[in-house]
Amino acid sequence: MVITIGLNLIFIPLFGIEGAALATLISIALYSLAKLFFVVFKLNLFPFTSKTLVSLATITLSFVVFYFWDFAFHPLLNIVLKSILITLFYWGINYKLNVSSDLNQIITSLWNRVANRSFK
């Protein structure tokens, strides 16, 4: 909180509302790094694996694919449709690459429930 207030006092006069956003970004990043260092050095755990990089690449690919894609109708429907498509795209790639066994179990379970209801 002290860092956020201090950075706001510095950045808001310089950059306006963007300064507030920058101060918030820096303070959240520092807090997250402090938590990561605590987990790594005090608990001897490292929370990231090579699959984390695959997931980040999937997020980047999703951003690149859907950023410039707009539908020619109401903006609210555009947001809803793009959100659904991005979610399905992201889950589909992560499922195929088996990034998370937990996510794969959930998707398989939901798929089986939907498939069993549709054939009864």
PDB file of N, CA and C in Angstrom:
ATOM      1  N   MET A   1       0.824  -1.177   0.000  1.00  0.00           N
ATOM      2  CA  MET A   1       0.000   0.000   0.000  1.00  0.00           C
ATOM      3  C   MET A   1       0.875   1.250   0.000  1.00  0.00           C
ATOM      4  N   VAL A   2       1.941   1.227   0.766  1.00  0.00           N
ATOM      5  CA  VAL A   2       2.846   2.378   0.825  1.00  0.00           C
ATOM      6  C   VAL A   2       3.474   2.629  -0.545  1.00  0.00           C
ATOM      7  N   ILE A   3       3.891   1.543  -1.223  1.00  0.00           N
ATOM      8  CA  ILE A   3       4.488   1.676  -2.557  1.00  0.00           C
ATOM      9  C   ILE A   3       3.467   2.242  -3.538  1.00  0.00           C
ATOM     10  N   THR A   4       2.241   1.753  -3.474  1.00  0.00           N
ATOM     11  CA  THR A   4       1.199   2.235  -4.376  1.00  0.00           C
ATOM     12  C   THR A   4       0.941   3.725  -4.177  1.00  0.00           C
ATOM     13  N   ILE A   5       0.814   4.133  -2.938  1.00  0.00           N
ATOM     14  CA  ILE A   5       0.558   5.557  -2.658  1.00  0.00           C
ATOM     15  C   ILE A   5       1.745   6.408  -3.107  1.00  0.00           C
ATOM     16  N   GLY A   6       2.960   5.950  -2.795  1.00  0.00           N
ATOM     17  CA  GLY A   6       4.152   6.695  -3.206  1.00  0.00           C
ATOM     18  C   GLY A   6       4.270   6.818  -4.715  1.00  0.00           C
ATOM     19  N   LEU A   7       4.042   5.709  -5.405  1.00  0.00           N
ATOM     20  CA  LEU A   7       4.112   5.742  -6.863  1.00  0.00           C
ATOM     21  C   LEU A   7       2.996   6.580  -7.466  1.00  0.00           C
ATOM     22  N   ASN A   8       1.818   6.546  -6.855  1.00  0.00           N
ATOM     23  CA  ASN A   8       0.721   7.406  -7.329  1.00  0.00           C
ATOM     24  C   ASN A   8       1.087   8.879  -7.180  1.00  0.00           C
ATOM     25  N   LEU A   9       1.726   9.230  -6.059  1.00  0.00           N
ATOM     26  CA  LEU A   9       2.126  10.623  -5.851  1.00  0.00           C
ATOM     27  C   LEU A   9       3.152  11.071  -6.892  1.00  0.00           C
ATOM     28  N   ILE A  10       3.966  10.129  -7.357  1.00  0.00           N
ATOM     29  CA  ILE A  10       4.974  10.464  -8.363  1.00  0.00           C
ATOM     30  C   ILE A  10       4.390  10.461  -9.770  1.00  0.00           C
ATOM     31  N   PHE A  11       3.656   9.394 -10.118  1.00  0.00           N
ATOM     32  CA  PHE A  11       3.258   9.183 -11.511  1.00  0.00           C
ATOM     33  C   PHE A  11       1.987   9.927 -11.937  1.00  0.00           C
ATOM     34  N   ILE A  12       1.055  10.161 -11.023  1.00  0.00           N
ATOM     35  CA  ILE A  12      -0.184  10.836 -11.425  1.00  0.00           C
ATOM     36  C   ILE A  12       0.076  12.263 -11.907  1.00  0.00           C
ATOM     37  N   PRO A  13       0.911  13.062 -11.217  1.00  0.00           N
ATOM     38  CA  PRO A  13       1.186  14.402 -11.767  1.00  0.00           C
ATOM     39  C   PRO A  13       1.921  14.369 -13.118  1.00  0.00           C
ATOM     40  N   LEU A  14       2.721  13.323 -13.325  1.00  0.00           N
ATOM     41  CA  LEU A  14       3.474  13.239 -14.573  1.00  0.00           C
ATOM     42  C   LEU A  14       2.639  12.737 -15.744  1.00  0.00           C
ATOM     43  N   PHE A  15       1.826  11.688 -15.498  1.00  0.00           N
ATOM     44  CA  PHE A  15       1.141  10.995 -16.596  1.00  0.00           C
ATOM     45  C   PHE A  15      -0.379  10.979 -16.489  1.00  0.00           C
ATOM     46  N   GLY A  16      -0.946  11.547 -15.443  1.00  0.00           N
ATOM     47  CA  GLY A  16      -2.397  11.550 -15.285  1.00  0.00           C
ATOM     48  C   GLY A  16      -2.922  10.158 -14.938  1.00  0.00           C
ATOM     49  N   ILE A  17      -4.032   9.787 -15.556  1.00  0.00           N
ATOM     50  CA  ILE A  17      -4.667   8.504 -15.244  1.00  0.00           C
ATOM     51  C   ILE A  17      -3.771   7.332 -15.628  1.00  0.00           C
ATOM     52  N   GLU A  18      -2.970   7.498 -16.688  1.00  0.00           N
ATOM     53  CA  GLU A  18      -2.023   6.448 -17.059  1.00  0.00           C
ATOM     54  C   GLU A  18      -0.967   6.269 -15.975  1.00  0.00           C
ATOM     55  N   GLY A  19      -0.630   7.332 -15.271  1.00  0.00           N
ATOM     56  CA  GLY A  19       0.304   7.245 -14.154  1.00  0.00           C
ATOM     57  C   GLY A  19      -0.251   6.395 -13.024  1.00  0.00           C
ATOM     58  N   ALA A  20      -1.552   6.534 -12.763  1.00  0.00           N
ATOM     59  CA  ALA A  20      -2.185   5.700 -11.738  1.00  0.00           C
ATOM     60  C   ALA A  20      -2.143   4.237 -12.150  1.00  0.00           C
ATOM     61  N   ALA A  21      -2.387   3.986 -13.431  1.00  0.00           N
ATOM     62  CA  ALA A  21      -2.333   2.611 -13.925  1.00  0.00           C
ATOM     63  C   ALA A  21      -0.914   2.056 -13.838  1.00  0.00           C
ATOM     64  N   LEU A  22       0.067   2.857 -14.178  1.00  0.00           N
ATOM     65  CA  LEU A  22       1.457   2.429 -14.112  1.00  0.00           C
ATOM     66  C   LEU A  22       1.875   2.156 -12.668  1.00  0.00           C
ATOM     67  N   ALA A  23       1.465   3.014 -11.749  1.00  0.00           N
ATOM     68  CA  ALA A  23       1.778   2.808 -10.332  1.00  0.00           C
ATOM     69  C   ALA A  23       1.152   1.509  -9.823  1.00  0.00           C
ATOM     70  N   THR A  24      -0.070   1.252 -10.222  1.00  0.00           N
ATOM     71  CA  THR A  24      -0.743   0.018  -9.816  1.00  0.00           C
ATOM     72  C   THR A  24      -0.037  -1.197 -10.404  1.00  0.00           C
ATOM     73  N   LEU A  25       0.333  -1.120 -11.675  1.00  0.00           N
ATOM     74  CA  LEU A  25       1.055  -2.217 -12.321  1.00  0.00           C
ATOM     75  C   LEU A  25       2.356  -2.523 -11.591  1.00  0.00           C
ATOM     76  N   ILE A  26       3.127  -1.501 -11.297  1.00  0.00           N
ATOM     77  CA  ILE A  26       4.413  -1.711 -10.630  1.00  0.00           C
ATOM     78  C   ILE A  26       4.219  -2.291  -9.232  1.00  0.00           C
ATOM     79  N   SER A  27       3.263  -1.776  -8.483  1.00  0.00           N
ATOM     80  CA  SER A  27       3.067  -2.277  -7.117  1.00  0.00           C
ATOM     81  C   SER A  27       2.551  -3.719  -7.112  1.00  0.00           C
ATOM     82  N   ILE A  28       1.665  -4.064  -8.032  1.00  0.00           N
ATOM     83  CA  ILE A  28       1.175  -5.442  -8.105  1.00  0.00           C
ATOM     84  C   ILE A  28       2.291  -6.380  -8.551  1.00  0.00           C
ATOM     85  N   ALA A  29       3.115  -5.944  -9.508  1.00  0.00           N
ATOM     86  CA  ALA A  29       4.233  -6.773  -9.966  1.00  0.00           C
ATOM     87  C   ALA A  29       5.231  -7.010  -8.835  1.00  0.00           C
ATOM     88  N   LEU A  30       5.549  -5.974  -8.073  1.00  0.00           N
ATOM     89  CA  LEU A  30       6.483  -6.141  -6.953  1.00  0.00           C
ATOM     90  C   LEU A  30       5.918  -7.064  -5.884  1.00  0.00           C
ATOM     91  N   TYR A  31       4.633  -6.922  -5.588  1.00  0.00           N
ATOM     92  CA  TYR A  31       3.988  -7.791  -4.601  1.00  0.00           C
ATOM     93  C   TYR A  31       3.991  -9.245  -5.077  1.00  0.00           C
ATOM     94  N   SER A  32       3.696  -9.466  -6.347  1.00  0.00           N
ATOM     95  CA  SER A  32       3.695 -10.818  -6.898  1.00  0.00           C
ATOM     96  C   SER A  32       5.095 -11.420  -6.891  1.00  0.00           C
ATOM     97  N   LEU A  33       6.100 -10.627  -7.223  1.00  0.00           N
ATOM     98  CA  LEU A  33       7.476 -11.108  -7.170  1.00  0.00           C
ATOM     99  C   LEU A  33       7.894 -11.449  -5.745  1.00  0.00           C
ATOM    100  N   ALA A  34       7.470 -10.650  -4.782  1.00  0.00           N
ATOM    101  CA  ALA A  34       7.782 -10.941  -3.384  1.00  0.00           C
ATOM    102  C   ALA A  34       7.163 -12.276  -2.958  1.00  0.00           C
ATOM    103  N   LYS A  35       5.920 -12.506  -3.369  1.00  0.00           N
ATOM    104  CA  LYS A  35       5.280 -13.791  -3.050  1.00  0.00           C
ATOM    105  C   LYS A  35       6.000 -14.946  -3.726  1.00  0.00           C
ATOM    106  N   LEU A  36       6.396 -14.775  -4.992  1.00  0.00           N
ATOM    107  CA  LEU A  36       7.116 -15.821  -5.711  1.00  0.00           C
ATOM    108  C   LEU A  36       8.439 -16.130  -5.036  1.00  0.00           C
ATOM    109  N   PHE A  37       9.198 -15.094  -4.681  1.00  0.00           N
ATOM    110  CA  PHE A  37      10.486 -15.312  -4.010  1.00  0.00           C
ATOM    111  C   PHE A  37      10.301 -16.017  -2.673  1.00  0.00           C
ATOM    112  N   PHE A  38       9.234 -15.687  -1.950  1.00  0.00           N
ATOM    113  CA  PHE A  38       8.962 -16.372  -0.685  1.00  0.00           C
ATOM    114  C   PHE A  38       8.727 -17.855  -0.915  1.00  0.00           C
ATOM    115  N   VAL A  39       7.907 -18.171  -1.897  1.00  0.00           N
ATOM    116  CA  VAL A  39       7.608 -19.578  -2.179  1.00  0.00           C
ATOM    117  C   VAL A  39       8.864 -20.315  -2.638  1.00  0.00           C
ATOM    118  N   VAL A  40       9.669 -19.689  -3.481  1.00  0.00           N
ATOM    119  CA  VAL A  40      10.859 -20.349  -4.022  1.00  0.00           C
ATOM    120  C   VAL A  40      11.928 -20.519  -2.955  1.00  0.00           C
ATOM    121  N   PHE A  41      12.242 -19.472  -2.222  1.00  0.00           N
ATOM    122  CA  PHE A  41      13.380 -19.516  -1.311  1.00  0.00           C
ATOM    123  C   PHE A  41      13.042 -20.056   0.080  1.00  0.00           C
ATOM    124  N   LYS A  42      11.880 -19.751   0.594  1.00  0.00           N
ATOM    125  CA  LYS A  42      11.532 -20.214   1.944  1.00  0.00           C
ATOM    126  C   LYS A  42      10.917 -21.611   1.939  1.00  0.00           C
ATOM    127  N   LEU A  43      10.099 -21.905   0.949  1.00  0.00           N
ATOM    128  CA  LEU A  43       9.411 -23.200   0.914  1.00  0.00           C
ATOM    129  C   LEU A  43      10.070 -24.190  -0.040  1.00  0.00           C
ATOM    130  N   ASN A  44      11.089 -23.731  -0.768  1.00  0.00           N
ATOM    131  CA  ASN A  44      11.813 -24.577  -1.730  1.00  0.00           C
ATOM    132  C   ASN A  44      10.888 -25.217  -2.764  1.00  0.00           C
ATOM    133  N   LEU A  45       9.939 -24.438  -3.236  1.00  0.00           N
ATOM    134  CA  LEU A  45       9.027 -24.885  -4.284  1.00  0.00           C
ATOM    135  C   LEU A  45       9.148 -23.941  -5.465  1.00  0.00           C
ATOM    136  N   PHE A  46       9.033 -24.480  -6.662  1.00  0.00           N
ATOM    137  CA  PHE A  46       8.996 -23.629  -7.845  1.00  0.00           C
ATOM    138  C   PHE A  46       7.682 -23.909  -8.550  1.00  0.00           C
ATOM    139  N   PRO A  47       6.788 -22.914  -8.595  1.00  0.00           N
ATOM    140  CA  PRO A  47       5.420 -23.168  -9.070  1.00  0.00           C
ATOM    141  C   PRO A  47       5.255 -23.253 -10.580  1.00  0.00           C
ATOM    142  N   PHE A  48       6.329 -23.081 -11.358  1.00  0.00           N
ATOM    143  CA  PHE A  48       6.204 -23.082 -12.805  1.00  0.00           C
ATOM    144  C   PHE A  48       6.908 -24.290 -13.399  1.00  0.00           C
ATOM    145  N   THR A  49       6.363 -24.778 -14.524  1.00  0.00           N
ATOM    146  CA  THR A  49       6.966 -25.892 -15.249  1.00  0.00           C
ATOM    147  C   THR A  49       7.093 -25.497 -16.719  1.00  0.00           C
ATOM    148  N   SER A  50       7.558 -26.420 -17.516  1.00  0.00           N
ATOM    149  CA  SER A  50       7.637 -26.143 -18.956  1.00  0.00           C
ATOM    150  C   SER A  50       6.241 -25.993 -19.559  1.00  0.00           C
ATOM    151  N   LYS A  51       5.252 -26.593 -18.930  1.00  0.00           N
ATOM    152  CA  LYS A  51       3.880 -26.470 -19.429  1.00  0.00           C
ATOM    153  C   LYS A  51       3.331 -25.062 -19.215  1.00  0.00           C
ATOM    154  N   THR A  52       3.923 -24.324 -18.283  1.00  0.00           N
ATOM    155  CA  THR A  52       3.549 -22.931 -18.093  1.00  0.00           C
ATOM    156  C   THR A  52       3.891 -22.128 -19.341  1.00  0.00           C
ATOM    157  N   LEU A  53       5.038 -22.412 -19.930  1.00  0.00           N
ATOM    158  CA  LEU A  53       5.430 -21.728 -21.167  1.00  0.00           C
ATOM    159  C   LEU A  53       4.488 -22.076 -22.314  1.00  0.00           C
ATOM    160  N   VAL A  54       4.052 -23.330 -22.374  1.00  0.00           N
ATOM    161  CA  VAL A  54       3.092 -23.739 -23.406  1.00  0.00           C
ATOM    162  C   VAL A  54       1.782 -22.985 -23.222  1.00  0.00           C
ATOM    163  N   SER A  55       1.349 -22.844 -21.995  1.00  0.00           N
ATOM    164  CA  SER A  55       0.112 -22.113 -21.728  1.00  0.00           C
ATOM    165  C   SER A  55       0.250 -20.633 -22.082  1.00  0.00           C
ATOM    166  N   LEU A  56       1.388 -20.030 -21.772  1.00  0.00           N
ATOM    167  CA  LEU A  56       1.623 -18.635 -22.154  1.00  0.00           C
ATOM    168  C   LEU A  56       1.661 -18.472 -23.672  1.00  0.00           C
ATOM    169  N   ALA A  57       2.247 -19.438 -24.366  1.00  0.00           N
ATOM    170  CA  ALA A  57       2.257 -19.393 -25.835  1.00  0.00           C
ATOM    171  C   ALA A  57       0.836 -19.512 -26.378  1.00  0.00           C
ATOM    172  N   THR A  58       0.016 -20.324 -25.750  1.00  0.00           N
ATOM    173  CA  THR A  58      -1.383 -20.466 -26.158  1.00  0.00           C
ATOM    174  C   THR A  58      -2.142 -19.154 -25.950  1.00  0.00           C
ATOM    175  N   ILE A  59      -1.882 -18.487 -24.845  1.00  0.00           N
ATOM    176  CA  ILE A  59      -2.515 -17.194 -24.583  1.00  0.00           C
ATOM    177  C   ILE A  59      -2.095 -16.179 -25.647  1.00  0.00           C
ATOM    178  N   THR A  60      -0.798 -16.166 -25.965  1.00  0.00           N
ATOM    179  CA  THR A  60      -0.297 -15.247 -26.989  1.00  0.00           C
ATOM    180  C   THR A  60      -0.924 -15.548 -28.345  1.00  0.00           C
ATOM    181  N   LEU A  61      -1.004 -16.815 -28.696  1.00  0.00           N
ATOM    182  CA  LEU A  61      -1.631 -17.205 -29.960  1.00  0.00           C
ATOM    183  C   LEU A  61      -3.103 -16.791 -29.986  1.00  0.00           C
ATOM    184  N   SER A  62      -3.804 -16.999 -28.888  1.00  0.00           N
ATOM    185  CA  SER A  62      -5.210 -16.583 -28.805  1.00  0.00           C
ATOM    186  C   SER A  62      -5.354 -15.089 -29.011  1.00  0.00           C
ATOM    187  N   PHE A  63      -4.464 -14.321 -28.397  1.00  0.00           N
ATOM    188  CA  PHE A  63      -4.494 -12.870 -28.557  1.00  0.00           C
ATOM    189  C   PHE A  63      -4.290 -12.476 -30.013  1.00  0.00           C
ATOM    190  N   VAL A  64      -3.285 -13.073 -30.656  1.00  0.00           N
ATOM    191  CA  VAL A  64      -2.972 -12.737 -32.042  1.00  0.00           C
ATOM    192  C   VAL A  64      -4.127 -13.114 -32.971  1.00  0.00           C
ATOM    193  N   VAL A  65      -4.722 -14.259 -32.751  1.00  0.00           N
ATOM    194  CA  VAL A  65      -5.797 -14.729 -33.631  1.00  0.00           C
ATOM    195  C   VAL A  65      -7.053 -13.868 -33.493  1.00  0.00           C
ATOM    196  N   PHE A  66      -7.412 -13.494 -32.276  1.00  0.00           N
ATOM    197  CA  PHE A  66      -8.711 -12.856 -32.056  1.00  0.00           C
ATOM    198  C   PHE A  66      -8.663 -11.344 -31.889  1.00  0.00           C
ATOM    199  N   TYR A  67      -7.490 -10.738 -31.806  1.00  0.00           N
ATOM    200  CA  TYR A  67      -7.418  -9.300 -31.531  1.00  0.00           C
ATOM    201  C   TYR A  67      -8.064  -8.458 -32.634  1.00  0.00           C
ATOM    202  N   PHE A  68      -7.781  -8.755 -33.863  1.00  0.00           N
ATOM    203  CA  PHE A  68      -8.275  -7.939 -34.971  1.00  0.00           C
ATOM    204  C   PHE A  68      -9.585  -8.455 -35.567  1.00  0.00           C
ATOM    205  N   TRP A  69     -10.132  -9.497 -35.014  1.00  0.00           N
ATOM    206  CA  TRP A  69     -11.328 -10.114 -35.548  1.00  0.00           C
ATOM    207  C   TRP A  69     -12.562  -9.492 -34.894  1.00  0.00           C
ATOM    208  N   ASP A  70     -13.296  -8.687 -35.640  1.00  0.00           N
ATOM    209  CA  ASP A  70     -14.520  -8.074 -35.137  1.00  0.00           C
ATOM    210  C   ASP A  70     -15.692  -8.515 -35.992  1.00  0.00           C
ATOM    211  N   PHE A  71     -16.822  -8.689 -35.326  1.00  0.00           N
ATOM    212  CA  PHE A  71     -18.040  -9.038 -36.030  1.00  0.00           C
ATOM    213  C   PHE A  71     -18.823  -7.757 -36.309  1.00  0.00           C
ATOM    214  N   ALA A  72     -19.560  -7.754 -37.396  1.00  0.00           N
ATOM    215  CA  ALA A  72     -20.234  -6.533 -37.854  1.00  0.00           C
ATOM    216  C   ALA A  72     -21.639  -6.396 -37.271  1.00  0.00           C
ATOM    217  N   PHE A  73     -21.775  -6.621 -35.987  1.00  0.00           N
ATOM    218  CA  PHE A  73     -23.068  -6.382 -35.358  1.00  0.00           C
ATOM    219  C   PHE A  73     -22.851  -5.759 -33.989  1.00  0.00           C
ATOM    220  N   HIS A  74     -23.863  -5.728 -33.171  1.00  0.00           N
ATOM    221  CA  HIS A  74     -23.861  -5.018 -31.898  1.00  0.00           C
ATOM    222  C   HIS A  74     -22.586  -5.312 -31.092  1.00  0.00           C
ATOM    223  N   PRO A  75     -21.953  -4.274 -30.531  1.00  0.00           N
ATOM    224  CA  PRO A  75     -20.698  -4.469 -29.801  1.00  0.00           C
ATOM    225  C   PRO A  75     -20.811  -5.430 -28.622  1.00  0.00           C
ATOM    226  N   LEU A  76     -21.922  -5.423 -27.917  1.00  0.00           N
ATOM    227  CA  LEU A  76     -22.091  -6.335 -26.782  1.00  0.00           C
ATOM    228  C   LEU A  76     -22.122  -7.792 -27.260  1.00  0.00           C
ATOM    229  N   LEU A  77     -22.841  -8.043 -28.344  1.00  0.00           N
ATOM    230  CA  LEU A  77     -22.847  -9.394 -28.907  1.00  0.00           C
ATOM    231  C   LEU A  77     -21.464  -9.777 -29.426  1.00  0.00           C
ATOM    232  N   ASN A  78     -20.733  -8.820 -29.964  1.00  0.00           N
ATOM    233  CA  ASN A  78     -19.371  -9.036 -30.424  1.00  0.00           C
ATOM    234  C   ASN A  78     -18.489  -9.495 -29.264  1.00  0.00           C
ATOM    235  N   ILE A  79     -18.606  -8.818 -28.120  1.00  0.00           N
ATOM    236  CA  ILE A  79     -17.816  -9.176 -26.935  1.00  0.00           C
ATOM    237  C   ILE A  79     -18.164 -10.575 -26.455  1.00  0.00           C
ATOM    238  N   VAL A  80     -19.457 -10.874 -26.369  1.00  0.00           N
ATOM    239  CA  VAL A  80     -19.898 -12.183 -25.887  1.00  0.00           C
ATOM    240  C   VAL A  80     -19.427 -13.292 -26.823  1.00  0.00           C
ATOM    241  N   LEU A  81     -19.616 -13.106 -28.126  1.00  0.00           N
ATOM    242  CA  LEU A  81     -19.223 -14.135 -29.091  1.00  0.00           C
ATOM    243  C   LEU A  81     -17.715 -14.339 -29.107  1.00  0.00           C
ATOM    244  N   LYS A  82     -16.946 -13.242 -29.103  1.00  0.00           N
ATOM    245  CA  LYS A  82     -15.494 -13.375 -29.081  1.00  0.00           C
ATOM    246  C   LYS A  82     -15.015 -14.040 -27.797  1.00  0.00           C
ATOM    247  N   SER A  83     -15.641 -13.742 -26.677  1.00  0.00           N
ATOM    248  CA  SER A  83     -15.262 -14.365 -25.405  1.00  0.00           C
ATOM    249  C   SER A  83     -15.490 -15.867 -25.445  1.00  0.00           C
ATOM    250  N   ILE A  84     -16.624 -16.270 -25.979  1.00  0.00           N
ATOM    251  CA  ILE A  84     -16.917 -17.706 -26.095  1.00  0.00           C
ATOM    252  C   ILE A  84     -15.917 -18.383 -27.028  1.00  0.00           C
ATOM    253  N   LEU A  85     -15.644 -17.763 -28.176  1.00  0.00           N
ATOM    254  CA  LEU A  85     -14.695 -18.345 -29.134  1.00  0.00           C
ATOM    255  C   LEU A  85     -13.277 -18.429 -28.568  1.00  0.00           C
ATOM    256  N   ILE A  86     -12.842 -17.385 -27.873  1.00  0.00           N
ATOM    257  CA  ILE A  86     -11.505 -17.402 -27.264  1.00  0.00           C
ATOM    258  C   ILE A  86     -11.413 -18.495 -26.208  1.00  0.00           C
ATOM    259  N   THR A  87     -12.443 -18.631 -25.380  1.00  0.00           N
ATOM    260  CA  THR A  87     -12.448 -19.656 -24.343  1.00  0.00           C
ATOM    261  C   THR A  87     -12.382 -21.047 -24.949  1.00  0.00           C
ATOM    262  N   LEU A  88     -13.209 -21.307 -25.952  1.00  0.00           N
ATOM    263  CA  LEU A  88     -13.194 -22.614 -26.603  1.00  0.00           C
ATOM    264  C   LEU A  88     -11.859 -22.886 -27.291  1.00  0.00           C
ATOM    265  N   PHE A  89     -11.300 -21.880 -27.945  1.00  0.00           N
ATOM    266  CA  PHE A  89     -10.003 -22.006 -28.607  1.00  0.00           C
ATOM    267  C   PHE A  89      -8.906 -22.333 -27.594  1.00  0.00           C
ATOM    268  N   TYR A  90      -8.862 -21.575 -26.495  1.00  0.00           N
ATOM    269  CA  TYR A  90      -7.843 -21.770 -25.469  1.00  0.00           C
ATOM    270  C   TYR A  90      -7.976 -23.141 -24.809  1.00  0.00           C
ATOM    271  N   TRP A  91      -9.192 -23.487 -24.403  1.00  0.00           N
ATOM    272  CA  TRP A  91      -9.409 -24.799 -23.778  1.00  0.00           C
ATOM    273  C   TRP A  91      -9.087 -25.925 -24.747  1.00  0.00           C
ATOM    274  N   GLY A  92      -9.455 -25.764 -26.015  1.00  0.00           N
ATOM    275  CA  GLY A  92      -9.204 -26.799 -27.008  1.00  0.00           C
ATOM    276  C   GLY A  92      -7.723 -27.054 -27.207  1.00  0.00           C
ATOM    277  N   ILE A  93      -6.946 -25.989 -27.342  1.00  0.00           N
ATOM    278  CA  ILE A  93      -5.500 -26.170 -27.522  1.00  0.00           C
ATOM    279  C   ILE A  93      -4.866 -26.759 -26.269  1.00  0.00           C
ATOM    280  N   ASN A  94      -5.245 -26.257 -25.098  1.00  0.00           N
ATOM    281  CA  ASN A  94      -4.695 -26.812 -23.862  1.00  0.00           C
ATOM    282  C   ASN A  94      -5.101 -28.270 -23.669  1.00  0.00           C
ATOM    283  N   TYR A  95      -6.309 -28.618 -24.105  1.00  0.00           N
ATOM    284  CA  TYR A  95      -6.749 -30.011 -24.001  1.00  0.00           C
ATOM    285  C   TYR A  95      -5.922 -30.903 -24.927  1.00  0.00           C
ATOM    286  N   LYS A  96      -5.735 -30.466 -26.172  1.00  0.00           N
ATOM    287  CA  LYS A  96      -4.964 -31.263 -27.140  1.00  0.00           C
ATOM    288  C   LYS A  96      -3.506 -31.413 -26.720  1.00  0.00           C
ATOM    289  N   LEU A  97      -2.933 -30.362 -26.138  1.00  0.00           N
ATOM    290  CA  LEU A  97      -1.525 -30.420 -25.725  1.00  0.00           C
ATOM    291  C   LEU A  97      -1.346 -30.992 -24.320  1.00  0.00           C
ATOM    292  N   ASN A  98      -2.446 -31.325 -23.657  1.00  0.00           N
ATOM    293  CA  ASN A  98      -2.441 -31.910 -22.312  1.00  0.00           C
ATOM    294  C   ASN A  98      -1.612 -31.054 -21.351  1.00  0.00           C
ATOM    295  N   VAL A  99      -1.889 -29.768 -21.345  1.00  0.00           N
ATOM    296  CA  VAL A  99      -1.160 -28.842 -20.478  1.00  0.00           C
ATOM    297  C   VAL A  99      -1.513 -29.083 -19.019  1.00  0.00           C
ATOM    298  N   SER A 100      -2.774 -29.352 -18.734  1.00  0.00           N
ATOM    299  CA  SER A 100      -3.223 -29.572 -17.364  1.00  0.00           C
ATOM    300  C   SER A 100      -4.099 -30.816 -17.313  1.00  0.00           C
ATOM    301  N   SER A 101      -3.657 -31.795 -16.540  1.00  0.00           N
ATOM    302  CA  SER A 101      -4.463 -33.013 -16.423  1.00  0.00           C
ATOM    303  C   SER A 101      -5.791 -32.718 -15.729  1.00  0.00           C
ATOM    304  N   ASP A 102      -5.797 -31.765 -14.791  1.00  0.00           N
ATOM    305  CA  ASP A 102      -7.047 -31.388 -14.122  1.00  0.00           C
ATOM    306  C   ASP A 102      -8.039 -30.792 -15.114  1.00  0.00           C
ATOM    307  N   LEU A 103      -7.564 -29.884 -15.963  1.00  0.00           N
ATOM    308  CA  LEU A 103      -8.434 -29.281 -16.979  1.00  0.00           C
ATOM    309  C   LEU A 103      -8.938 -30.349 -17.947  1.00  0.00           C
ATOM    310  N   ASN A 104      -8.074 -31.272 -18.335  1.00  0.00           N
ATOM    311  CA  ASN A 104      -8.498 -32.341 -19.240  1.00  0.00           C
ATOM    312  C   ASN A 104      -9.574 -33.216 -18.610  1.00  0.00           C
ATOM    313  N   GLN A 105      -9.451 -33.511 -17.321  1.00  0.00           N
ATOM    314  CA  GLN A 105     -10.472 -34.315 -16.638  1.00  0.00           C
ATOM    315  C   GLN A 105     -11.808 -33.580 -16.593  1.00  0.00           C
ATOM    316  N   ILE A 106     -11.764 -32.284 -16.329  1.00  0.00           N
ATOM    317  CA  ILE A 106     -12.999 -31.494 -16.267  1.00  0.00           C
ATOM    318  C   ILE A 106     -13.664 -31.439 -17.640  1.00  0.00           C
ATOM    319  N   ILE A 107     -12.880 -31.176 -18.686  1.00  0.00           N
ATOM    320  CA  ILE A 107     -13.437 -31.098 -20.041  1.00  0.00           C
ATOM    321  C   ILE A 107     -14.008 -32.447 -20.461  1.00  0.00           C
ATOM    322  N   THR A 108     -13.283 -33.526 -20.189  1.00  0.00           N
ATOM    323  CA  THR A 108     -13.769 -34.866 -20.536  1.00  0.00           C
ATOM    324  C   THR A 108     -15.059 -35.181 -19.787  1.00  0.00           C
ATOM    325  N   SER A 109     -15.111 -34.837 -18.503  1.00  0.00           N
ATOM    326  CA  SER A 109     -16.308 -35.082 -17.701  1.00  0.00           C
ATOM    327  C   SER A 109     -17.502 -34.289 -18.239  1.00  0.00           C
ATOM    328  N   LEU A 110     -17.289 -33.013 -18.548  1.00  0.00           N
ATOM    329  CA  LEU A 110     -18.387 -32.200 -19.101  1.00  0.00           C
ATOM    330  C   LEU A 110     -18.827 -32.711 -20.461  1.00  0.00           C
ATOM    331  N   TRP A 111     -17.859 -33.093 -21.290  1.00  0.00           N
ATOM    332  CA  TRP A 111     -18.181 -33.612 -22.621  1.00  0.00           C
ATOM    333  C   TRP A 111     -18.999 -34.899 -22.513  1.00  0.00           C
ATOM    334  N   ASN A 112     -18.625 -35.776 -21.595  1.00  0.00           N
ATOM    335  CA  ASN A 112     -19.376 -37.028 -21.404  1.00  0.00           C
ATOM    336  C   ASN A 112     -20.781 -36.768 -20.913  1.00  0.00           C
ATOM    337  N   ARG A 113     -20.961 -35.793 -20.017  1.00  0.00           N
ATOM    338  CA  ARG A 113     -22.296 -35.451 -19.539  1.00  0.00           C
ATOM    339  C   ARG A 113     -23.181 -34.920 -20.653  1.00  0.00           C
ATOM    340  N   VAL A 114     -22.622 -34.049 -21.472  1.00  0.00           N
ATOM    341  CA  VAL A 114     -23.395 -33.473 -22.589  1.00  0.00           C
ATOM    342  C   VAL A 114     -23.711 -34.565 -23.614  1.00  0.00           C
ATOM    343  N   ALA A 115     -22.752 -35.423 -23.923  1.00  0.00           N
ATOM    344  CA  ALA A 115     -22.964 -36.481 -24.904  1.00  0.00           C
ATOM    345  C   ALA A 115     -23.991 -37.482 -24.421  1.00  0.00           C
ATOM    346  N   ASN A 116     -23.982 -37.825 -23.142  1.00  0.00           N
ATOM    347  CA  ASN A 116     -24.938 -38.792 -22.617  1.00  0.00           C
ATOM    348  C   ASN A 116     -26.347 -38.224 -22.595  1.00  0.00           C
ATOM    349  N   ARG A 117     -26.516 -36.933 -22.347  1.00  0.00           N
ATOM    350  CA  ARG A 117     -27.851 -36.326 -22.329  1.00  0.00           C
ATOM    351  C   ARG A 117     -28.420 -36.183 -23.730  1.00  0.00           C
ATOM    352  N   SER A 118     -27.558 -35.957 -24.712  1.00  0.00           N
ATOM    353  CA  SER A 118     -28.067 -35.721 -26.045  1.00  0.00           C
ATOM    354  C   SER A 118     -28.530 -36.999 -26.728  1.00  0.00           C
ATOM    355  N   PHE A 119     -28.071 -38.156 -26.268  1.00  0.00           N
ATOM    356  CA  PHE A 119     -28.446 -39.419 -26.898  1.00  0.00           C
ATOM    357  C   PHE A 119     -29.512 -40.182 -26.141  1.00  0.00           C
ATOM    358  N   LYS A 120     -30.087 -39.606 -25.111  1.00  0.00           N
ATOM    359  CA  LYS A 120     -31.137 -40.301 -24.349  1.00  0.00           C
ATOM    360  C   LYS A 120     -32.505 -39.924 -24.821  1.00  0.00           C
TER     361      LYS A 120
END
